[in-house]
């Protein structure tokens, strides 16, 4: 291969790799299997009062709340997703929250899943689901049987799955609630957080966050690892 052609292929390769890593987030999975410290990987730390960090290859949210029911945790922007799953353990003072928002359609609709702490983590689930962003209060779902979590033993596995205007809450592989929200047409933000009364000190553990992309429904998801050799093969064909 001539030098000029080699340089063109190399340049295209770098551009392709940049595109893969910039736009290859959905489907998205993060097991936080990296060094202690800031979450990175596209996560935004929205944790004004307690510490939110990677600790021992999971997210640990810990410290003392200074304001009643102040949310602290991690969030990320997403694009029209259909499912969010995660493993969590909140057996130490802090309430668990998973909130999904529609910041695109103008409705300000959201769904907020809440579970207070318990000896084995959350087991009394509630939700708020306003279609216009106005606070409508909590709806109590109740508990769910504990089942062994193959991904993280001792942790609860929670999923929120979207089907048009219906949302299904699944705990340890068992559907425990069907939630309707006529205003939440697209999920554009995911926020995983804690809260507690002021001056309460506690912690919560989060791991294995799995986010699906609605645009890939009915197609085979391609991981970043598989996208790289595919992209390289295409570039090699172009260089011939």
C-alpha atoms as a PDB file:
ATOM      1  CA  UNK A   1       0.000   0.000   0.000  1.00  0.00           C
ATOM      2  CA  UNK A   2       1.350   3.430  -0.899  1.00  0.00           C
ATOM      3  CA  UNK A   3       2.138   5.851   1.939  1.00  0.00           C
ATOM      4  CA  UNK A   4      -0.610   8.256   0.885  1.00  0.00           C
ATOM      5  CA  UNK A   5      -3.237   5.500   0.889  1.00  0.00           C
ATOM      6  CA  UNK A   6      -1.944   4.165   4.204  1.00  0.00           C
ATOM      7  CA  UNK A   7      -2.280   7.611   5.774  1.00  0.00           C
ATOM      8  CA  UNK A   8      -5.833   7.946   4.443  1.00  0.00           C
ATOM      9  CA  UNK A   9      -6.826   4.553   5.878  1.00  0.00           C
ATOM     10  CA  UNK A  10      -5.172   5.364   9.199  1.00  0.00           C
ATOM     11  CA  UNK A  11      -7.025   8.668   9.351  1.00  0.00           C
ATOM     12  CA  UNK A  12     -10.325   7.022   8.520  1.00  0.00           C
ATOM     13  CA  UNK A  13      -9.671   4.400  11.188  1.00  0.00           C
ATOM     14  CA  UNK A  14      -9.157   7.040  13.851  1.00  0.00           C
ATOM     15  CA  UNK A  15     -12.325   8.844  12.781  1.00  0.00           C
ATOM     16  CA  UNK A  16     -14.279   5.585  12.809  1.00  0.00           C
ATOM     17  CA  UNK A  17     -13.012   4.673  16.274  1.00  0.00           C
ATOM     18  CA  UNK A  18     -13.995   8.131  17.519  1.00  0.00           C
ATOM     19  CA  UNK A  19     -17.503   7.666  16.145  1.00  0.00           C
ATOM     20  CA  UNK A  20     -17.839   4.220  17.735  1.00  0.00           C
ATOM     21  CA  UNK A  21     -16.855   5.457  21.158  1.00  0.00           C
ATOM     22  CA  UNK A  22     -18.840   8.682  20.921  1.00  0.00           C
ATOM     23  CA  UNK A  23     -22.089   7.167  19.689  1.00  0.00           C
ATOM     24  CA  UNK A  24     -21.832   3.525  20.761  1.00  0.00           C
ATOM     25  CA  UNK A  25     -23.393   4.018  24.182  1.00  0.00           C
ATOM     26  CA  UNK A  26     -26.776   2.389  23.501  1.00  0.00           C
ATOM     27  CA  UNK A  27     -27.204  -0.416  24.311  1.00  0.00           C
ATOM     28  CA  UNK A  28     -25.115   0.581  27.315  1.00  0.00           C
ATOM     29  CA  UNK A  29     -23.768  -1.510  30.189  1.00  0.00           C
ATOM     30  CA  UNK A  30     -21.543  -0.397  33.037  1.00  0.00           C
ATOM     31  CA  UNK A  31     -20.286  -2.677  35.801  1.00  0.00           C
ATOM     32  CA  UNK A  32     -17.883   0.029  37.093  1.00  0.00           C
ATOM     33  CA  UNK A  33     -15.016  -2.437  36.890  1.00  0.00           C
ATOM     34  CA  UNK A  34     -12.328   0.216  37.039  1.00  0.00           C
ATOM     35  CA  UNK A  35     -10.196   2.128  39.526  1.00  0.00           C
ATOM     36  CA  UNK A  36     -11.704   3.808  42.584  1.00  0.00           C
ATOM     37  CA  UNK A  37     -12.645   7.438  42.032  1.00  0.00           C
ATOM     38  CA  UNK A  38     -14.912   9.401  39.716  1.00  0.00           C
ATOM     39  CA  UNK A  39     -17.462   7.311  37.759  1.00  0.00           C
ATOM     40  CA  UNK A  40     -16.424   8.646  34.342  1.00  0.00           C
ATOM     41  CA  UNK A  41     -17.794   6.788  31.292  1.00  0.00           C
ATOM     42  CA  UNK A  42     -20.298   9.541  30.516  1.00  0.00           C
ATOM     43  CA  UNK A  43     -21.835   9.674  33.989  1.00  0.00           C
ATOM     44  CA  UNK A  44     -22.548  13.059  35.586  1.00  0.00           C
ATOM     45  CA  UNK A  45     -22.164  13.172  39.349  1.00  0.00           C
ATOM     46  CA  UNK A  46     -25.164  15.095  40.707  1.00  0.00           C
ATOM     47  CA  UNK A  47     -24.334  14.743  44.369  1.00  0.00           C
ATOM     48  CA  UNK A  48     -24.150  18.084  46.163  1.00  0.00           C
ATOM     49  CA  UNK A  49     -24.179  16.831  49.755  1.00  0.00           C
ATOM     50  CA  UNK A  50     -22.665  13.344  49.954  1.00  0.00           C
ATOM     51  CA  UNK A  51     -19.895  11.528  48.103  1.00  0.00           C
ATOM     52  CA  UNK A  52     -20.678   9.505  44.988  1.00  0.00           C
ATOM     53  CA  UNK A  53     -17.774   7.484  43.605  1.00  0.00           C
ATOM     54  CA  UNK A  54     -16.522   4.155  42.348  1.00  0.00           C
ATOM     55  CA  UNK A  55     -15.423   2.065  45.309  1.00  0.00           C
ATOM     56  CA  UNK A  56     -14.457  -1.602  45.002  1.00  0.00           C
ATOM     57  CA  UNK A  57     -15.819  -1.809  41.426  1.00  0.00           C
ATOM     58  CA  UNK A  58     -19.286  -0.459  42.121  1.00  0.00           C
ATOM     59  CA  UNK A  59     -20.893   2.918  42.798  1.00  0.00           C
ATOM     60  CA  UNK A  60     -20.954   3.880  46.467  1.00  0.00           C
ATOM     61  CA  UNK A  61     -23.067   6.854  47.564  1.00  0.00           C
ATOM     62  CA  UNK A  62     -22.173   7.685  51.165  1.00  0.00           C
ATOM     63  CA  UNK A  63     -21.990  10.488  53.696  1.00  0.00           C
ATOM     64  CA  UNK A  64     -24.313  12.774  55.675  1.00  0.00           C
ATOM     65  CA  UNK A  65     -27.331  14.553  54.176  1.00  0.00           C
ATOM     66  CA  UNK A  66     -27.510  18.215  55.166  1.00  0.00           C
ATOM     67  CA  UNK A  67     -30.947  18.964  53.681  1.00  0.00           C
ATOM     68  CA  UNK A  68     -34.193  17.013  53.998  1.00  0.00           C
ATOM     69  CA  UNK A  69     -34.658  14.645  51.050  1.00  0.00           C
ATOM     70  CA  UNK A  70     -31.884  16.101  48.906  1.00  0.00           C
ATOM     71  CA  UNK A  71     -31.117  13.802  45.963  1.00  0.00           C
ATOM     72  CA  UNK A  72     -27.523  12.674  45.481  1.00  0.00           C
ATOM     73  CA  UNK A  73     -26.237  10.268  42.844  1.00  0.00           C
ATOM     74  CA  UNK A  74     -25.311   9.758  39.195  1.00  0.00           C
ATOM     75  CA  UNK A  75     -27.197  10.652  36.040  1.00  0.00           C
ATOM     76  CA  UNK A  76     -26.767  10.478  32.287  1.00  0.00           C
ATOM     77  CA  UNK A  77     -28.524  11.699  29.169  1.00  0.00           C
ATOM     78  CA  UNK A  78     -30.007   8.960  26.979  1.00  0.00           C
ATOM     79  CA  UNK A  79     -31.884   8.801  23.686  1.00  0.00           C
ATOM     80  CA  UNK A  80     -35.367   7.281  23.574  1.00  0.00           C
ATOM     81  CA  UNK A  81     -34.535   4.179  25.608  1.00  0.00           C
ATOM     82  CA  UNK A  82     -36.929   1.349  26.468  1.00  0.00           C
ATOM     83  CA  UNK A  83     -35.313  -0.203  29.529  1.00  0.00           C
ATOM     84  CA  UNK A  84     -33.146   0.596  32.536  1.00  0.00           C
ATOM     85  CA  UNK A  85     -31.875  -2.181  34.820  1.00  0.00           C
ATOM     86  CA  UNK A  86     -29.518  -2.083  37.784  1.00  0.00           C
ATOM     87  CA  UNK A  87     -28.505  -3.886  40.957  1.00  0.00           C
ATOM     88  CA  UNK A  88     -28.725  -1.994  44.246  1.00  0.00           C
ATOM     89  CA  UNK A  89     -28.349  -2.470  47.979  1.00  0.00           C
ATOM     90  CA  UNK A  90     -29.708   0.134  50.415  1.00  0.00           C
ATOM     91  CA  UNK A  91     -29.497  -1.470  53.839  1.00  0.00           C
ATOM     92  CA  UNK A  92     -28.009   1.604  55.528  1.00  0.00           C
ATOM     93  CA  UNK A  93     -30.362   4.560  56.171  1.00  0.00           C
ATOM     94  CA  UNK A  94     -30.615   5.951  52.624  1.00  0.00           C
ATOM     95  CA  UNK A  95     -33.676   5.629  50.382  1.00  0.00           C
ATOM     96  CA  UNK A  96     -33.120   4.344  46.852  1.00  0.00           C
ATOM     97  CA  UNK A  97     -34.439   6.268  43.825  1.00  0.00           C
ATOM     98  CA  UNK A  98     -34.495   5.575  40.100  1.00  0.00           C
ATOM     99  CA  UNK A  99     -35.944   8.467  38.107  1.00  0.00           C
ATOM    100  CA  UNK A 100     -36.442   8.731  34.346  1.00  0.00           C
ATOM    101  CA  UNK A 101     -37.386  12.044  32.695  1.00  0.00           C
ATOM    102  CA  UNK A 102     -38.748  13.290  29.383  1.00  0.00           C
ATOM    103  CA  UNK A 103     -36.894  16.566  28.810  1.00  0.00           C
ATOM    104  CA  UNK A 104     -37.528  16.570  25.057  1.00  0.00           C
ATOM    105  CA  UNK A 105     -41.284  16.670  24.434  1.00  0.00           C
ATOM    106  CA  UNK A 106     -42.001  19.631  26.721  1.00  0.00           C
ATOM    107  CA  UNK A 107     -44.357  17.714  29.033  1.00  0.00           C
ATOM    108  CA  UNK A 108     -41.800  17.525  31.912  1.00  0.00           C
ATOM    109  CA  UNK A 109     -43.186  14.039  32.571  1.00  0.00           C
ATOM    110  CA  UNK A 110     -41.197  11.644  34.712  1.00  0.00           C
ATOM    111  CA  UNK A 111     -41.378   8.401  36.676  1.00  0.00           C
ATOM    112  CA  UNK A 112     -39.677   8.147  40.044  1.00  0.00           C
ATOM    113  CA  UNK A 113     -39.224   4.744  41.718  1.00  0.00           C
ATOM    114  CA  UNK A 114     -38.534   4.846  45.445  1.00  0.00           C
ATOM    115  CA  UNK A 115     -37.692   2.196  48.035  1.00  0.00           C
ATOM    116  CA  UNK A 116     -36.813   2.806  51.697  1.00  0.00           C
ATOM    117  CA  UNK A 117     -33.891   0.943  53.271  1.00  0.00           C
ATOM    118  CA  UNK A 118     -34.249  -2.486  54.813  1.00  0.00           C
ATOM    119  CA  UNK A 119     -32.064  -5.226  56.324  1.00  0.00           C
ATOM    120  CA  UNK A 120     -31.624  -6.844  52.880  1.00  0.00           C
ATOM    121  CA  UNK A 121     -32.038  -3.673  50.874  1.00  0.00           C
ATOM    122  CA  UNK A 122     -35.199  -2.115  49.520  1.00  0.00           C
ATOM    123  CA  UNK A 123     -38.396  -4.148  49.682  1.00  0.00           C
ATOM    124  CA  UNK A 124     -41.267  -1.665  49.810  1.00  0.00           C
ATOM    125  CA  UNK A 125     -41.562  -0.007  46.432  1.00  0.00           C
ATOM    126  CA  UNK A 126     -43.391   3.201  45.540  1.00  0.00           C
ATOM    127  CA  UNK A 127     -43.684   5.294  42.407  1.00  0.00           C
ATOM    128  CA  UNK A 128     -44.665   8.789  41.300  1.00  0.00           C
ATOM    129  CA  UNK A 129     -45.721   9.187  37.667  1.00  0.00           C
ATOM    130  CA  UNK A 130     -46.929  12.681  36.741  1.00  0.00           C
ATOM    131  CA  UNK A 131     -47.657  13.199  33.053  1.00  0.00           C
ATOM    132  CA  UNK A 132     -47.120  16.973  33.328  1.00  0.00           C
ATOM    133  CA  UNK A 133     -44.278  17.191  35.851  1.00  0.00           C
ATOM    134  CA  UNK A 134     -46.537  18.237  38.757  1.00  0.00           C
ATOM    135  CA  UNK A 135     -46.067  16.327  42.003  1.00  0.00           C
ATOM    136  CA  UNK A 136     -48.829  13.745  42.399  1.00  0.00           C
ATOM    137  CA  UNK A 137     -47.648  11.923  45.513  1.00  0.00           C
ATOM    138  CA  UNK A 138     -46.413   8.376  45.963  1.00  0.00           C
ATOM    139  CA  UNK A 139     -48.309   5.246  44.968  1.00  0.00           C
ATOM    140  CA  UNK A 140     -47.375   2.301  47.176  1.00  0.00           C
ATOM    141  CA  UNK A 141     -46.711  -0.961  45.320  1.00  0.00           C
ATOM    142  CA  UNK A 142     -45.536  -3.028  48.273  1.00  0.00           C
ATOM    143  CA  UNK A 143     -42.797  -5.598  48.507  1.00  0.00           C
ATOM    144  CA  UNK A 144     -41.474  -8.333  46.248  1.00  0.00           C
ATOM    145  CA  UNK A 145     -40.057 -11.765  47.147  1.00  0.00           C
ATOM    146  CA  UNK A 146     -36.292 -11.871  47.423  1.00  0.00           C
ATOM    147  CA  UNK A 147     -34.664 -14.070  44.797  1.00  0.00           C
ATOM    148  CA  UNK A 148     -31.021 -14.856  44.219  1.00  0.00           C
ATOM    149  CA  UNK A 149     -29.448 -12.295  41.943  1.00  0.00           C
ATOM    150  CA  UNK A 150     -27.042 -14.039  39.519  1.00  0.00           C
ATOM    151  CA  UNK A 151     -25.248 -10.760  38.740  1.00  0.00           C
ATOM    152  CA  UNK A 152     -24.726  -9.516  42.308  1.00  0.00           C
ATOM    153  CA  UNK A 153     -25.541 -11.804  45.193  1.00  0.00           C
ATOM    154  CA  UNK A 154     -27.428 -10.101  48.023  1.00  0.00           C
ATOM    155  CA  UNK A 155     -28.453  -7.149  45.852  1.00  0.00           C
ATOM    156  CA  UNK A 156     -31.889  -6.431  44.466  1.00  0.00           C
ATOM    157  CA  UNK A 157     -32.217  -6.300  40.693  1.00  0.00           C
ATOM    158  CA  UNK A 158     -34.617  -3.623  39.434  1.00  0.00           C
ATOM    159  CA  UNK A 159     -35.757  -2.909  35.881  1.00  0.00           C
ATOM    160  CA  UNK A 160     -38.089  -0.284  34.446  1.00  0.00           C
ATOM    161  CA  UNK A 161     -39.295  -1.265  30.958  1.00  0.00           C
ATOM    162  CA  UNK A 162     -41.205   1.005  28.561  1.00  0.00           C
ATOM    163  CA  UNK A 163     -43.865  -0.117  26.097  1.00  0.00           C
ATOM    164  CA  UNK A 164     -45.448   2.951  24.485  1.00  0.00           C
ATOM    165  CA  UNK A 165     -47.269   4.739  27.352  1.00  0.00           C
ATOM    166  CA  UNK A 166     -46.974   1.802  29.762  1.00  0.00           C
ATOM    167  CA  UNK A 167     -44.036   1.180  32.056  1.00  0.00           C
ATOM    168  CA  UNK A 168     -43.411  -2.100  33.850  1.00  0.00           C
ATOM    169  CA  UNK A 169     -41.510  -2.289  37.128  1.00  0.00           C
ATOM    170  CA  UNK A 170     -39.647  -5.577  37.513  1.00  0.00           C
ATOM    171  CA  UNK A 171     -37.858  -6.601  40.722  1.00  0.00           C
ATOM    172  CA  UNK A 172     -35.752  -9.769  40.832  1.00  0.00           C
ATOM    173  CA  UNK A 173     -37.267 -10.839  37.488  1.00  0.00           C
ATOM    174  CA  UNK A 174     -40.846 -10.482  38.755  1.00  0.00           C
ATOM    175  CA  UNK A 175     -43.182  -7.793  37.414  1.00  0.00           C
ATOM    176  CA  UNK A 176     -44.665  -5.965  40.400  1.00  0.00           C
ATOM    177  CA  UNK A 177     -46.368  -2.937  38.807  1.00  0.00           C
ATOM    178  CA  UNK A 178     -47.705  -1.514  35.567  1.00  0.00           C
ATOM    179  CA  UNK A 179     -47.388   2.277  35.479  1.00  0.00           C
ATOM    180  CA  UNK A 180     -49.131   4.463  32.918  1.00  0.00           C
ATOM    181  CA  UNK A 181     -47.762   7.841  31.914  1.00  0.00           C
ATOM    182  CA  UNK A 182     -49.395   9.537  28.913  1.00  0.00           C
ATOM    183  CA  UNK A 183     -46.861  12.390  28.892  1.00  0.00           C
ATOM    184  CA  UNK A 184     -43.632  10.409  28.987  1.00  0.00           C
ATOM    185  CA  UNK A 185     -43.152   9.725  25.294  1.00  0.00           C
ATOM    186  CA  UNK A 186     -39.345   9.530  25.395  1.00  0.00           C
ATOM    187  CA  UNK A 187     -36.888   8.831  28.197  1.00  0.00           C
ATOM    188  CA  UNK A 188     -34.056  11.322  27.827  1.00  0.00           C
ATOM    189  CA  UNK A 189     -32.432  11.218  31.270  1.00  0.00           C
ATOM    190  CA  UNK A 190     -31.737   8.567  33.914  1.00  0.00           C
ATOM    191  CA  UNK A 191     -30.966   9.553  37.520  1.00  0.00           C
ATOM    192  CA  UNK A 192     -29.947   6.969  40.164  1.00  0.00           C
ATOM    193  CA  UNK A 193     -29.838   8.525  43.612  1.00  0.00           C
ATOM    194  CA  UNK A 194     -30.459   8.484  47.350  1.00  0.00           C
ATOM    195  CA  UNK A 195     -32.214  10.759  49.801  1.00  0.00           C
ATOM    196  CA  UNK A 196     -32.837  10.928  53.542  1.00  0.00           C
ATOM    197  CA  UNK A 197     -33.849  13.309  56.287  1.00  0.00           C
ATOM    198  CA  UNK A 198     -31.302  15.983  57.154  1.00  0.00           C
ATOM    199  CA  UNK A 199     -28.230  14.892  59.151  1.00  0.00           C
ATOM    200  CA  UNK A 200     -28.769  11.218  58.464  1.00  0.00           C
ATOM    201  CA  UNK A 201     -25.555   9.328  57.658  1.00  0.00           C
ATOM    202  CA  UNK A 202     -25.711   6.284  55.431  1.00  0.00           C
ATOM    203  CA  UNK A 203     -24.734   4.590  52.191  1.00  0.00           C
ATOM    204  CA  UNK A 204     -26.105   2.858  49.104  1.00  0.00           C
ATOM    205  CA  UNK A 205     -24.470   0.516  46.576  1.00  0.00           C
ATOM    206  CA  UNK A 206     -25.214   0.428  42.829  1.00  0.00           C
ATOM    207  CA  UNK A 207     -23.809  -1.880  40.150  1.00  0.00           C
ATOM    208  CA  UNK A 208     -24.447  -3.332  36.677  1.00  0.00           C
ATOM    209  CA  UNK A 209     -26.399  -0.501  35.051  1.00  0.00           C
ATOM    210  CA  UNK A 210     -27.927  -1.760  31.805  1.00  0.00           C
ATOM    211  CA  UNK A 211     -29.618   0.665  29.390  1.00  0.00           C
ATOM    212  CA  UNK A 212     -31.377  -0.406  26.182  1.00  0.00           C
ATOM    213  CA  UNK A 213     -32.000   1.706  23.092  1.00  0.00           C
ATOM    214  CA  UNK A 214     -35.497   1.766  21.595  1.00  0.00           C
ATOM    215  CA  UNK A 215     -34.061   2.337  18.117  1.00  0.00           C
ATOM    216  CA  UNK A 216     -32.449  -1.113  18.221  1.00  0.00           C
ATOM    217  CA  UNK A 217     -35.659  -2.928  19.110  1.00  0.00           C
ATOM    218  CA  UNK A 218     -36.023  -5.986  16.926  1.00  0.00           C
ATOM    219  CA  UNK A 219     -32.382  -5.902  15.847  1.00  0.00           C
ATOM    220  CA  UNK A 220     -29.323  -7.626  17.189  1.00  0.00           C
ATOM    221  CA  UNK A 221     -27.412  -5.337  19.512  1.00  0.00           C
ATOM    222  CA  UNK A 222     -23.760  -4.853  18.610  1.00  0.00           C
ATOM    223  CA  UNK A 223     -21.316  -4.243  21.417  1.00  0.00           C
ATOM    224  CA  UNK A 224     -18.459  -1.784  21.088  1.00  0.00           C
ATOM    225  CA  UNK A 225     -16.000  -4.695  21.022  1.00  0.00           C
ATOM    226  CA  UNK A 226     -17.757  -6.174  17.974  1.00  0.00           C
ATOM    227  CA  UNK A 227     -18.151  -2.821  16.228  1.00  0.00           C
ATOM    228  CA  UNK A 228     -14.380  -2.256  16.078  1.00  0.00           C
ATOM    229  CA  UNK A 229     -13.429  -5.268  13.902  1.00  0.00           C
ATOM    230  CA  UNK A 230     -16.480  -4.625  11.691  1.00  0.00           C
ATOM    231  CA  UNK A 231     -15.411  -1.014  11.151  1.00  0.00           C
ATOM    232  CA  UNK A 232     -11.828  -2.063  10.472  1.00  0.00           C
ATOM    233  CA  UNK A 233     -12.945  -4.679   7.925  1.00  0.00           C
ATOM    234  CA  UNK A 234     -14.933  -2.045   6.020  1.00  0.00           C
ATOM    235  CA  UNK A 235     -11.939   0.294   5.939  1.00  0.00           C
ATOM    236  CA  UNK A 236      -9.679  -2.477   4.653  1.00  0.00           C
ATOM    237  CA  UNK A 237     -12.086  -3.098   1.786  1.00  0.00           C
ATOM    238  CA  UNK A 238     -12.103   0.610   0.940  1.00  0.00           C
ATOM    239  CA  UNK A 239      -8.297   0.723   0.854  1.00  0.00           C
ATOM    240  CA  UNK A 240      -7.931  -2.062  -1.732  1.00  0.00           C
END
